Amino acid sequence: MQNNFITTFNELLARVSDLYESFAPSEVKNRKNVHLSKQPDTVLLTCYMFGILHSCTTLVGIYRLSKSIFGAQFPSRTRFIRTCNNLKQTLELMNQGLLKAHVSPNDSLGIIDSLPVPLCQPIRNFRAKGARELANIGFNATKQLHFYGLKFHAIVNQAGYILNFVLTSASFHDAKVCEDLLCDFHIPTLIGDAGYIGRALTFRCKEVGTNLIAIPRRNMSKNGMDYRPIKAVRKTVETVFSGLQLFGIEHLKAHQLPSIMTRIQLTVLLYNLLEVEAHKVEPMTLKFSIGINALMAI
């Protein structure tokens, strides 16, 4: 068990290091006094992702796990958190670089959806103060309850990669972020649920070369179209979101927006990395656990 623990960390570190060296800006890698750090940025990011992988729900838990690995050679908790939060742009570039290396430019289909990110229990909706500059009260249609927090919007392809994501207020309508999510990848066909129905949105998507197919509700007109095959394809995004929920995206303990954003960015990067490893064993699989086993077996 201990050997698997160390092997997984080392393999994850190797992949993070490759991405960092390839896509991190030179002003970040060569910033002032970077050589005086107890551990390089790649180790700090890997420790954070390793904590997410091992179900650490709090920053304190991630820090304690990291400290148990490196001991006195690991920086203080505040410096660890501050350094990771300051690497926001670098994380975005690393994720984009990973996707462009493994997503085919001929990929013609994407699935768009949103996921609630509550920051407290419903009973505290009107008293919560976490991430107050962005968070507010929204409605979770799946669970039929109001929640205080944020909303995670994402586009996923059929291979299970998270192509792009946006974090908004909980009450923000899904349709308003559709164009923002399409800015990094050209997706000829985009599938969404009833939240993306609208002539204006369909027209705006066509202007950027995307055909939006929104699945209507049961009480809406189907126009004689059979949506069952489309619904089957749309289950991909539900599978991906289920994996993100296992990584704790719906149970964030952070209260500051920079820390929340860092956690979500690293969760998405970790998920995409595991999907890359899983596809080396079983192409087009949605089981990221195969990627974990692949890292342990190397």
C-alpha atoms as a PDB file:
ATOM      1  CA  MET A   1       0.000   0.000   0.000  1.00  0.00           C
ATOM      2  CA  GLN A   2       2.804   2.428   0.875  1.00  0.00           C
ATOM      3  CA  ASN A   3       4.608   1.661  -2.396  1.00  0.00           C
ATOM      4  CA  ASN A   4       1.405   2.359  -4.356  1.00  0.00           C
ATOM      5  CA  PHE A   5       1.002   5.621  -2.425  1.00  0.00           C
ATOM      6  CA  ILE A   6       4.500   6.807  -3.350  1.00  0.00           C
ATOM      7  CA  THR A   7       4.283   5.536  -6.945  1.00  0.00           C
ATOM      8  CA  THR A   8       1.009   7.379  -7.579  1.00  0.00           C
ATOM      9  CA  PHE A   9       2.441  10.614  -6.206  1.00  0.00           C
ATOM     10  CA  ASN A  10       5.628  10.347  -8.266  1.00  0.00           C
ATOM     11  CA  GLU A  11       3.766   9.569 -11.492  1.00  0.00           C
ATOM     12  CA  LEU A  12       1.334  12.425 -10.901  1.00  0.00           C
ATOM     13  CA  LEU A  13       4.275  14.733 -10.184  1.00  0.00           C
ATOM     14  CA  ALA A  14       5.954  13.708 -13.449  1.00  0.00           C
ATOM     15  CA  ARG A  15       2.866  14.604 -15.477  1.00  0.00           C
ATOM     16  CA  VAL A  16       2.302  17.915 -13.679  1.00  0.00           C
ATOM     17  CA  SER A  17       5.983  18.788 -14.169  1.00  0.00           C
ATOM     18  CA  ASP A  18       5.754  18.128 -17.924  1.00  0.00           C
ATOM     19  CA  LEU A  19       2.702  20.387 -18.227  1.00  0.00           C
ATOM     20  CA  TYR A  20       4.280  23.097 -16.072  1.00  0.00           C
ATOM     21  CA  GLU A  21       7.516  23.147 -18.065  1.00  0.00           C
ATOM     22  CA  SER A  22       5.634  23.226 -21.369  1.00  0.00           C
ATOM     23  CA  PHE A  23       2.922  25.773 -20.677  1.00  0.00           C
ATOM     24  CA  ALA A  24       3.773  27.891 -17.612  1.00  0.00           C
ATOM     25  CA  PRO A  25       4.752  31.474 -18.558  1.00  0.00           C
ATOM     26  CA  SER A  26       8.451  32.273 -18.230  1.00  0.00           C
ATOM     27  CA  GLU A  27       7.668  35.169 -15.864  1.00  0.00           C
ATOM     28  CA  VAL A  28       6.108  32.644 -13.478  1.00  0.00           C
ATOM     29  CA  LYS A  29       8.908  30.076 -13.700  1.00  0.00           C
ATOM     30  CA  ASN A  30      11.607  32.755 -13.331  1.00  0.00           C
ATOM     31  CA  ARG A  31       9.920  35.091 -10.861  1.00  0.00           C
ATOM     32  CA  LYS A  32      11.906  36.830  -8.151  1.00  0.00           C
ATOM     33  CA  ASN A  33      13.293  34.620  -5.331  1.00  0.00           C
ATOM     34  CA  VAL A  34      11.646  31.469  -6.721  1.00  0.00           C
ATOM     35  CA  HIS A  35      14.892  29.602  -6.058  1.00  0.00           C
ATOM     36  CA  LEU A  36      14.475  30.228  -2.322  1.00  0.00           C
ATOM     37  CA  SER A  37      11.239  28.207  -2.111  1.00  0.00           C
ATOM     38  CA  LYS A  38      11.365  25.036  -0.041  1.00  0.00           C
ATOM     39  CA  GLN A  39       9.508  23.181  -2.804  1.00  0.00           C
ATOM     40  CA  PRO A  40       8.924  24.091  -6.473  1.00  0.00           C
ATOM     41  CA  ASP A  41       5.510  24.986  -7.834  1.00  0.00           C
ATOM     42  CA  THR A  42       5.103  21.563  -9.417  1.00  0.00           C
ATOM     43  CA  VAL A  43       5.396  19.808  -6.046  1.00  0.00           C
ATOM     44  CA  LEU A  44       2.885  22.170  -4.421  1.00  0.00           C
ATOM     45  CA  LEU A  45       0.347  21.674  -7.205  1.00  0.00           C
ATOM     46  CA  THR A  46       0.842  17.916  -7.142  1.00  0.00           C
ATOM     47  CA  CYS A  47       0.354  17.840  -3.370  1.00  0.00           C
ATOM     48  CA  TYR A  48      -2.908  19.750  -3.747  1.00  0.00           C
ATOM     49  CA  MET A  49      -4.150  17.357  -6.451  1.00  0.00           C
ATOM     50  CA  PHE A  50      -2.958  14.366  -4.439  1.00  0.00           C
ATOM     51  CA  GLY A  51      -5.036  15.597  -1.502  1.00  0.00           C
ATOM     52  CA  ILE A  52      -8.118  15.900  -3.735  1.00  0.00           C
ATOM     53  CA  LEU A  53      -7.479  12.389  -5.023  1.00  0.00           C
ATOM     54  CA  HIS A  54      -7.426  11.109  -1.430  1.00  0.00           C
ATOM     55  CA  SER A  55     -10.726  12.798  -0.514  1.00  0.00           C
ATOM     56  CA  CYS A  56      -9.317  15.642   1.581  1.00  0.00           C
ATOM     57  CA  THR A  57     -12.250  18.059   1.802  1.00  0.00           C
ATOM     58  CA  THR A  58     -10.396  20.917   3.515  1.00  0.00           C
ATOM     59  CA  LEU A  59      -7.206  22.839   2.827  1.00  0.00           C
ATOM     60  CA  VAL A  60      -5.980  21.880   6.280  1.00  0.00           C
ATOM     61  CA  GLY A  61      -6.404  18.207   5.407  1.00  0.00           C
ATOM     62  CA  ILE A  62      -4.497  18.647   2.142  1.00  0.00           C
ATOM     63  CA  TYR A  63      -1.732  20.491   3.946  1.00  0.00           C
ATOM     64  CA  ARG A  64      -1.407  17.814   6.640  1.00  0.00           C
ATOM     65  CA  LEU A  65      -1.189  15.084   4.006  1.00  0.00           C
ATOM     66  CA  SER A  66       1.505  17.064   2.160  1.00  0.00           C
ATOM     67  CA  LYS A  67       3.369  17.731   5.401  1.00  0.00           C
ATOM     68  CA  SER A  68       3.370  14.013   6.187  1.00  0.00           C
ATOM     69  CA  ILE A  69       5.192  13.392   2.898  1.00  0.00           C
ATOM     70  CA  PHE A  70       7.821  16.161   3.030  1.00  0.00           C
ATOM     71  CA  GLY A  71       8.026  17.052   6.726  1.00  0.00           C
ATOM     72  CA  ALA A  72      10.071  20.154   7.542  1.00  0.00           C
ATOM     73  CA  GLN A  73      10.971  20.603   3.860  1.00  0.00           C
ATOM     74  CA  PHE A  74       7.400  21.688   3.095  1.00  0.00           C
ATOM     75  CA  PRO A  75       6.447  25.412   3.292  1.00  0.00           C
ATOM     76  CA  SER A  76       4.003  26.848   5.812  1.00  0.00           C
ATOM     77  CA  ARG A  77       0.277  26.390   5.286  1.00  0.00           C
ATOM     78  CA  THR A  78      -0.345  30.038   4.389  1.00  0.00           C
ATOM     79  CA  ARG A  79       2.491  30.105   1.854  1.00  0.00           C
ATOM     80  CA  PHE A  80       1.301  26.807   0.352  1.00  0.00           C
ATOM     81  CA  ILE A  81      -2.245  28.129  -0.121  1.00  0.00           C
ATOM     82  CA  ARG A  82      -1.085  31.547  -1.331  1.00  0.00           C
ATOM     83  CA  THR A  83       1.283  30.071  -3.911  1.00  0.00           C
ATOM     84  CA  CYS A  84      -1.374  27.739  -5.329  1.00  0.00           C
ATOM     85  CA  ASN A  85      -3.920  30.578  -5.511  1.00  0.00           C
ATOM     86  CA  ASN A  86      -1.436  32.784  -7.376  1.00  0.00           C
ATOM     87  CA  LEU A  87      -0.979  30.123 -10.086  1.00  0.00           C
ATOM     88  CA  LYS A  88      -4.500  30.547 -11.453  1.00  0.00           C
ATOM     89  CA  GLN A  89      -3.412  31.614 -14.946  1.00  0.00           C
ATOM     90  CA  THR A  90      -0.757  28.913 -15.073  1.00  0.00           C
ATOM     91  CA  LEU A  91      -3.315  26.222 -14.203  1.00  0.00           C
ATOM     92  CA  GLU A  92      -5.576  27.453 -16.981  1.00  0.00           C
ATOM     93  CA  LEU A  93      -2.734  27.282 -19.513  1.00  0.00           C
ATOM     94  CA  MET A  94      -1.731  23.803 -18.326  1.00  0.00           C
ATOM     95  CA  ASN A  95      -5.263  22.495 -18.720  1.00  0.00           C
ATOM     96  CA  GLN A  96      -5.636  24.051 -22.168  1.00  0.00           C
ATOM     97  CA  GLY A  97      -2.303  22.572 -23.248  1.00  0.00           C
ATOM     98  CA  LEU A  98      -3.295  19.116 -22.009  1.00  0.00           C
ATOM     99  CA  LEU A  99      -6.585  19.237 -23.907  1.00  0.00           C
ATOM    100  CA  LYS A 100      -5.081  20.495 -27.158  1.00  0.00           C
ATOM    101  CA  ALA A 101      -2.618  17.607 -27.049  1.00  0.00           C
ATOM    102  CA  HIS A 102      -5.300  14.939 -26.567  1.00  0.00           C
ATOM    103  CA  VAL A 103      -8.510  16.316 -28.066  1.00  0.00           C
ATOM    104  CA  SER A 104      -8.859  15.861 -31.811  1.00  0.00           C
ATOM    105  CA  PRO A 105      -9.547  19.046 -33.807  1.00  0.00           C
ATOM    106  CA  ASN A 106     -12.128  16.965 -35.706  1.00  0.00           C
ATOM    107  CA  ASP A 107     -14.123  16.415 -32.506  1.00  0.00           C
ATOM    108  CA  SER A 108     -17.562  17.568 -33.606  1.00  0.00           C
ATOM    109  CA  LEU A 109     -19.750  17.043 -30.535  1.00  0.00           C
ATOM    110  CA  GLY A 110     -19.934  18.659 -27.110  1.00  0.00           C
ATOM    111  CA  ILE A 111     -22.359  18.403 -24.205  1.00  0.00           C
ATOM    112  CA  ILE A 112     -23.083  21.415 -22.009  1.00  0.00           C
ATOM    113  CA  ASP A 113     -24.549  21.363 -18.502  1.00  0.00           C
ATOM    114  CA  SER A 114     -24.255  22.961 -15.070  1.00  0.00           C
ATOM    115  CA  LEU A 115     -23.678  21.683 -11.545  1.00  0.00           C
ATOM    116  CA  PRO A 116     -24.615  23.418  -8.267  1.00  0.00           C
ATOM    117  CA  VAL A 117     -21.747  24.174  -5.874  1.00  0.00           C
ATOM    118  CA  PRO A 118     -23.334  24.799  -2.446  1.00  0.00           C
ATOM    119  CA  LEU A 119     -21.180  26.496   0.175  1.00  0.00           C
ATOM    120  CA  CYS A 120     -23.371  25.739   3.189  1.00  0.00           C
ATOM    121  CA  GLN A 121     -26.367  23.698   4.341  1.00  0.00           C
ATOM    122  CA  PRO A 122     -29.774  25.007   3.154  1.00  0.00           C
ATOM    123  CA  ILE A 123     -30.742  26.032   6.682  1.00  0.00           C
ATOM    124  CA  ARG A 124     -27.928  28.635   6.603  1.00  0.00           C
ATOM    125  CA  ASN A 125     -28.779  30.116   3.184  1.00  0.00           C
ATOM    126  CA  PHE A 126     -29.581  33.580   4.538  1.00  0.00           C
ATOM    127  CA  ARG A 127     -26.695  33.680   7.027  1.00  0.00           C
ATOM    128  CA  ALA A 128     -23.821  32.349   4.943  1.00  0.00           C
ATOM    129  CA  LYS A 129     -21.057  34.775   3.948  1.00  0.00           C
ATOM    130  CA  GLY A 130     -18.624  32.622   1.965  1.00  0.00           C
ATOM    131  CA  ALA A 131     -17.451  34.024  -1.397  1.00  0.00           C
ATOM    132  CA  ARG A 132     -19.931  36.861  -0.954  1.00  0.00           C
ATOM    133  CA  GLU A 133     -18.516  38.779  -3.956  1.00  0.00           C
ATOM    134  CA  LEU A 134     -19.998  36.125  -6.285  1.00  0.00           C
ATOM    135  CA  ALA A 135     -22.141  33.614  -4.379  1.00  0.00           C
ATOM    136  CA  ASN A 136     -25.883  33.997  -3.895  1.00  0.00           C
ATOM    137  CA  ILE A 137     -29.010  31.866  -3.519  1.00  0.00           C
ATOM    138  CA  GLY A 138     -30.071  29.664  -6.421  1.00  0.00           C
ATOM    139  CA  PHE A 139     -32.365  26.710  -7.030  1.00  0.00           C
ATOM    140  CA  ASN A 140     -31.279  23.100  -7.507  1.00  0.00           C
ATOM    141  CA  ALA A 141     -33.924  21.628  -9.808  1.00  0.00           C
ATOM    142  CA  THR A 142     -32.654  18.072  -9.345  1.00  0.00           C
ATOM    143  CA  LYS A 143     -32.998  18.071  -5.570  1.00  0.00           C
ATOM    144  CA  GLN A 144     -35.824  20.628  -5.548  1.00  0.00           C
ATOM    145  CA  LEU A 145     -34.223  22.919  -2.973  1.00  0.00           C
ATOM    146  CA  HIS A 146     -32.656  26.355  -2.724  1.00  0.00           C
ATOM    147  CA  PHE A 147     -28.946  26.620  -1.949  1.00  0.00           C
ATOM    148  CA  TYR A 148     -26.386  29.328  -1.253  1.00  0.00           C
ATOM    149  CA  GLY A 149     -23.269  29.087  -3.368  1.00  0.00           C
ATOM    150  CA  LEU A 150     -22.041  29.017  -6.946  1.00  0.00           C
ATOM    151  CA  LYS A 151     -22.765  27.223 -10.190  1.00  0.00           C
ATOM    152  CA  PHE A 152     -20.255  25.243 -12.246  1.00  0.00           C
ATOM    153  CA  HIS A 153     -20.918  25.334 -16.020  1.00  0.00           C
ATOM    154  CA  ALA A 154     -18.931  23.057 -18.324  1.00  0.00           C
ATOM    155  CA  ILE A 155     -18.681  21.596 -21.817  1.00  0.00           C
ATOM    156  CA  VAL A 156     -17.663  17.934 -22.059  1.00  0.00           C
ATOM    157  CA  ASN A 157     -16.845  15.903 -25.155  1.00  0.00           C
ATOM    158  CA  GLN A 158     -17.782  12.273 -25.774  1.00  0.00           C
ATOM    159  CA  ALA A 159     -14.381  11.066 -24.551  1.00  0.00           C
ATOM    160  CA  GLY A 160     -15.084  12.543 -21.106  1.00  0.00           C
ATOM    161  CA  TYR A 161     -12.686  15.512 -21.222  1.00  0.00           C
ATOM    162  CA  ILE A 162     -13.832  18.772 -19.641  1.00  0.00           C
ATOM    163  CA  LEU A 163     -13.132  21.194 -22.486  1.00  0.00           C
ATOM    164  CA  ASN A 164     -14.001  24.411 -20.668  1.00  0.00           C
ATOM    165  CA  PHE A 165     -15.772  25.600 -17.541  1.00  0.00           C
ATOM    166  CA  VAL A 166     -17.077  28.800 -15.975  1.00  0.00           C
ATOM    167  CA  LEU A 167     -17.936  29.528 -12.347  1.00  0.00           C
ATOM    168  CA  THR A 168     -20.899  31.851 -11.775  1.00  0.00           C
ATOM    169  CA  SER A 169     -23.424  32.867  -9.136  1.00  0.00           C
ATOM    170  CA  ALA A 170     -25.952  30.202  -8.164  1.00  0.00           C
ATOM    171  CA  SER A 171     -28.835  32.185  -9.672  1.00  0.00           C
ATOM    172  CA  PHE A 172     -27.091  32.785 -13.010  1.00  0.00           C
ATOM    173  CA  HIS A 173     -29.039  31.300 -15.928  1.00  0.00           C
ATOM    174  CA  ASP A 174     -27.329  28.489 -17.831  1.00  0.00           C
ATOM    175  CA  ALA A 175     -27.979  30.013 -21.252  1.00  0.00           C
ATOM    176  CA  LYS A 176     -26.048  33.207 -20.464  1.00  0.00           C
ATOM    177  CA  VAL A 177     -22.649  31.470 -20.327  1.00  0.00           C
ATOM    178  CA  CYS A 178     -22.999  29.319 -23.428  1.00  0.00           C
ATOM    179  CA  GLU A 179     -20.980  31.627 -25.706  1.00  0.00           C
ATOM    180  CA  ASP A 180     -18.223  32.028 -23.087  1.00  0.00           C
ATOM    181  CA  LEU A 181     -17.761  28.259 -22.932  1.00  0.00           C
ATOM    182  CA  LEU A 182     -17.400  28.020 -26.718  1.00  0.00           C
ATOM    183  CA  CYS A 183     -14.488  30.464 -26.943  1.00  0.00           C
ATOM    184  CA  ASP A 184     -11.580  27.955 -26.665  1.00  0.00           C
ATOM    185  CA  PHE A 185     -12.789  25.095 -28.901  1.00  0.00           C
ATOM    186  CA  HIS A 186     -14.814  25.042 -32.109  1.00  0.00           C
ATOM    187  CA  ILE A 187     -17.684  22.629 -31.514  1.00  0.00           C
ATOM    188  CA  PRO A 188     -19.962  22.110 -34.544  1.00  0.00           C
ATOM    189  CA  THR A 189     -22.728  20.407 -32.520  1.00  0.00           C
ATOM    190  CA  LEU A 190     -23.609  21.190 -28.911  1.00  0.00           C
ATOM    191  CA  ILE A 191     -26.174  19.253 -26.852  1.00  0.00           C
ATOM    192  CA  GLY A 192     -27.914  20.804 -23.857  1.00  0.00           C
ATOM    193  CA  ASP A 193     -30.956  20.269 -21.687  1.00  0.00           C
ATOM    194  CA  ALA A 194     -34.119  22.372 -21.482  1.00  0.00           C
ATOM    195  CA  GLY A 195     -32.222  25.206 -19.806  1.00  0.00           C
ATOM    196  CA  TYR A 196     -30.646  26.075 -23.182  1.00  0.00           C
ATOM    197  CA  ILE A 197     -33.877  26.359 -25.162  1.00  0.00           C
ATOM    198  CA  GLY A 198     -34.345  29.688 -26.887  1.00  0.00           C
ATOM    199  CA  ARG A 199     -34.297  31.114 -30.398  1.00  0.00           C
ATOM    200  CA  ALA A 200     -31.955  33.945 -29.470  1.00  0.00           C
ATOM    201  CA  LEU A 201     -29.372  31.563 -27.970  1.00  0.00           C
ATOM    202  CA  THR A 202     -29.658  29.181 -30.930  1.00  0.00           C
ATOM    203  CA  PHE A 203     -29.064  32.085 -33.319  1.00  0.00           C
ATOM    204  CA  ARG A 204     -26.034  33.349 -31.357  1.00  0.00           C
ATOM    205  CA  CYS A 205     -24.519  29.859 -31.386  1.00  0.00           C
ATOM    206  CA  LYS A 206     -25.024  29.580 -35.148  1.00  0.00           C
ATOM    207  CA  GLU A 207     -23.131  32.838 -35.586  1.00  0.00           C
ATOM    208  CA  VAL A 208     -20.020  31.155 -34.097  1.00  0.00           C
ATOM    209  CA  GLY A 209     -20.542  27.969 -36.151  1.00  0.00           C
ATOM    210  CA  THR A 210     -22.252  25.819 -33.516  1.00  0.00           C
ATOM    211  CA  ASN A 211     -25.538  23.979 -33.941  1.00  0.00           C
ATOM    212  CA  LEU A 212     -27.232  23.932 -30.522  1.00  0.00           C
ATOM    213  CA  ILE A 213     -29.600  21.029 -29.833  1.00  0.00           C
ATOM    214  CA  ALA A 214     -31.617  21.577 -26.656  1.00  0.00           C
ATOM    215  CA  ILE A 215     -33.630  18.631 -25.332  1.00  0.00           C
ATOM    216  CA  PRO A 216     -37.164  19.831 -24.478  1.00  0.00           C
ATOM    217  CA  ARG A 217     -39.072  18.893 -21.346  1.00  0.00           C
ATOM    218  CA  ARG A 218     -41.796  16.261 -21.428  1.00  0.00           C
ATOM    219  CA  ASN A 219     -44.574  18.867 -21.597  1.00  0.00           C
ATOM    220  CA  MET A 220     -42.931  20.708 -24.516  1.00  0.00           C
ATOM    221  CA  SER A 221     -43.465  20.174 -28.210  1.00  0.00           C
ATOM    222  CA  LYS A 222     -40.986  17.709 -29.769  1.00  0.00           C
ATOM    223  CA  ASN A 223     -41.639  18.824 -33.387  1.00  0.00           C
ATOM    224  CA  GLY A 224     -41.765  15.173 -34.418  1.00  0.00           C
ATOM    225  CA  MET A 225     -38.107  14.619 -33.478  1.00  0.00           C
ATOM    226  CA  ASP A 226     -36.892  11.549 -31.588  1.00  0.00           C
ATOM    227  CA  TYR A 227     -34.627  12.773 -28.787  1.00  0.00           C
ATOM    228  CA  ARG A 228     -33.830   9.365 -27.288  1.00  0.00           C
ATOM    229  CA  PRO A 229     -30.426   8.960 -29.054  1.00  0.00           C
ATOM    230  CA  ILE A 230     -29.502  12.519 -28.029  1.00  0.00           C
ATOM    231  CA  LYS A 231     -30.480  11.818 -24.408  1.00  0.00           C
ATOM    232  CA  ALA A 232     -28.227   8.741 -24.443  1.00  0.00           C
ATOM    233  CA  VAL A 233     -25.271  10.856 -25.618  1.00  0.00           C
ATOM    234  CA  ARG A 234     -26.022  13.518 -23.006  1.00  0.00           C
ATOM    235  CA  LYS A 235     -25.482  10.973 -20.207  1.00  0.00           C
ATOM    236  CA  THR A 236     -21.744  11.502 -20.743  1.00  0.00           C
ATOM    237  CA  VAL A 237     -21.821  14.858 -18.957  1.00  0.00           C
ATOM    238  CA  GLU A 238     -23.754  13.305 -16.068  1.00  0.00           C
ATOM    239  CA  THR A 239     -21.069  10.639 -15.709  1.00  0.00           C
ATOM    240  CA  VAL A 240     -18.328  13.298 -15.697  1.00  0.00           C
ATOM    241  CA  PHE A 241     -20.160  15.388 -13.101  1.00  0.00           C
ATOM    242  CA  SER A 242     -20.576  12.274 -10.971  1.00  0.00           C
ATOM    243  CA  GLY A 243     -16.782  11.877 -11.024  1.00  0.00           C
ATOM    244  CA  LEU A 244     -16.304  15.519 -10.016  1.00  0.00           C
ATOM    245  CA  GLN A 245     -18.720  14.979  -7.129  1.00  0.00           C
ATOM    246  CA  LEU A 246     -16.534  12.109  -5.921  1.00  0.00           C
ATOM    247  CA  PHE A 247     -13.676  14.622  -5.807  1.00  0.00           C
ATOM    248  CA  GLY A 248     -15.771  16.842  -3.531  1.00  0.00           C
ATOM    249  CA  ILE A 249     -16.819  19.630  -5.883  1.00  0.00           C
ATOM    250  CA  GLU A 250     -20.235  19.773  -4.199  1.00  0.00           C
ATOM    251  CA  HIS A 251     -18.785  19.816  -0.684  1.00  0.00           C
ATOM    252  CA  LEU A 252     -16.242  22.628  -0.719  1.00  0.00           C
ATOM    253  CA  LYS A 253     -15.084  23.801   2.708  1.00  0.00           C
ATOM    254  CA  ALA A 254     -13.258  26.908   1.455  1.00  0.00           C
ATOM    255  CA  HIS A 255     -14.908  30.297   2.033  1.00  0.00           C
ATOM    256  CA  GLN A 256     -12.684  32.614  -0.029  1.00  0.00           C
ATOM    257  CA  LEU A 257     -13.339  32.850  -3.762  1.00  0.00           C
ATOM    258  CA  PRO A 258      -9.642  32.511  -4.812  1.00  0.00           C
ATOM    259  CA  SER A 259      -9.327  29.277  -2.805  1.00  0.00           C
ATOM    260  CA  ILE A 260     -12.587  27.943  -4.258  1.00  0.00           C
ATOM    261  CA  MET A 261     -11.447  28.731  -7.808  1.00  0.00           C
ATOM    262  CA  THR A 262      -8.059  27.082  -7.238  1.00  0.00           C
ATOM    263  CA  ARG A 263      -9.695  23.938  -5.888  1.00  0.00           C
ATOM    264  CA  ILE A 264     -12.042  23.678  -8.865  1.00  0.00           C
ATOM    265  CA  GLN A 265      -9.256  24.351 -11.388  1.00  0.00           C
ATOM    266  CA  LEU A 266      -7.085  21.637  -9.861  1.00  0.00           C
ATOM    267  CA  THR A 267     -10.030  19.235  -9.680  1.00  0.00           C
ATOM    268  CA  VAL A 268     -10.724  19.712 -13.390  1.00  0.00           C
ATOM    269  CA  LEU A 269      -7.028  19.328 -14.265  1.00  0.00           C
ATOM    270  CA  LEU A 270      -6.790  16.170 -12.145  1.00  0.00           C
ATOM    271  CA  TYR A 271      -9.885  14.696 -13.782  1.00  0.00           C
ATOM    272  CA  ASN A 272      -8.569  15.388 -17.296  1.00  0.00           C
ATOM    273  CA  LEU A 273      -5.168  13.920 -16.406  1.00  0.00           C
ATOM    274  CA  LEU A 274      -6.800  10.729 -15.125  1.00  0.00           C
ATOM    275  CA  GLU A 275      -8.916  10.513 -18.281  1.00  0.00           C
ATOM    276  CA  VAL A 276      -5.759  10.777 -20.396  1.00  0.00           C
ATOM    277  CA  GLU A 277      -4.191   7.877 -18.470  1.00  0.00           C
ATOM    278  CA  ALA A 278      -7.417   5.854 -18.654  1.00  0.00           C
ATOM    279  CA  HIS A 279      -7.625   6.268 -22.446  1.00  0.00           C
ATOM    280  CA  LYS A 280      -4.143   4.799 -22.809  1.00  0.00           C
ATOM    281  CA  VAL A 281      -5.555   1.568 -21.359  1.00  0.00           C
ATOM    282  CA  GLU A 282      -9.114   1.706 -22.690  1.00  0.00           C
ATOM    283  CA  PRO A 283      -9.818   4.310 -25.410  1.00  0.00           C
ATOM    284  CA  MET A 284     -12.958   6.467 -25.018  1.00  0.00           C
ATOM    285  CA  THR A 285     -13.683   5.163 -21.523  1.00  0.00           C
ATOM    286  CA  LEU A 286     -15.390   7.408 -18.969  1.00  0.00           C
ATOM    287  CA  LYS A 287     -13.966   5.488 -16.012  1.00  0.00           C
ATOM    288  CA  PHE A 288     -11.308   7.788 -14.550  1.00  0.00           C
ATOM    289  CA  SER A 289     -10.579   5.083 -11.948  1.00  0.00           C
ATOM    290  CA  ILE A 290      -8.745   3.202 -14.714  1.00  0.00           C
ATOM    291  CA  GLY A 291      -6.371   6.150 -14.854  1.00  0.00           C
ATOM    292  CA  ILE A 292      -5.744   5.919 -11.107  1.00  0.00           C
ATOM    293  CA  ASN A 293      -4.970   2.211 -11.408  1.00  0.00           C
ATOM    294  CA  ALA A 294      -2.671   2.939 -14.364  1.00  0.00           C
ATOM    295  CA  LEU A 295      -0.653   5.417 -12.283  1.00  0.00           C
ATOM    296  CA  MET A 296      -0.364   2.919  -9.440  1.00  0.00           C
ATOM    297  CA  ALA A 297       0.745   0.121 -11.750  1.00  0.00           C
ATOM    298  CA  ILE A 298       3.596   2.035 -13.434  1.00  0.00           C
END
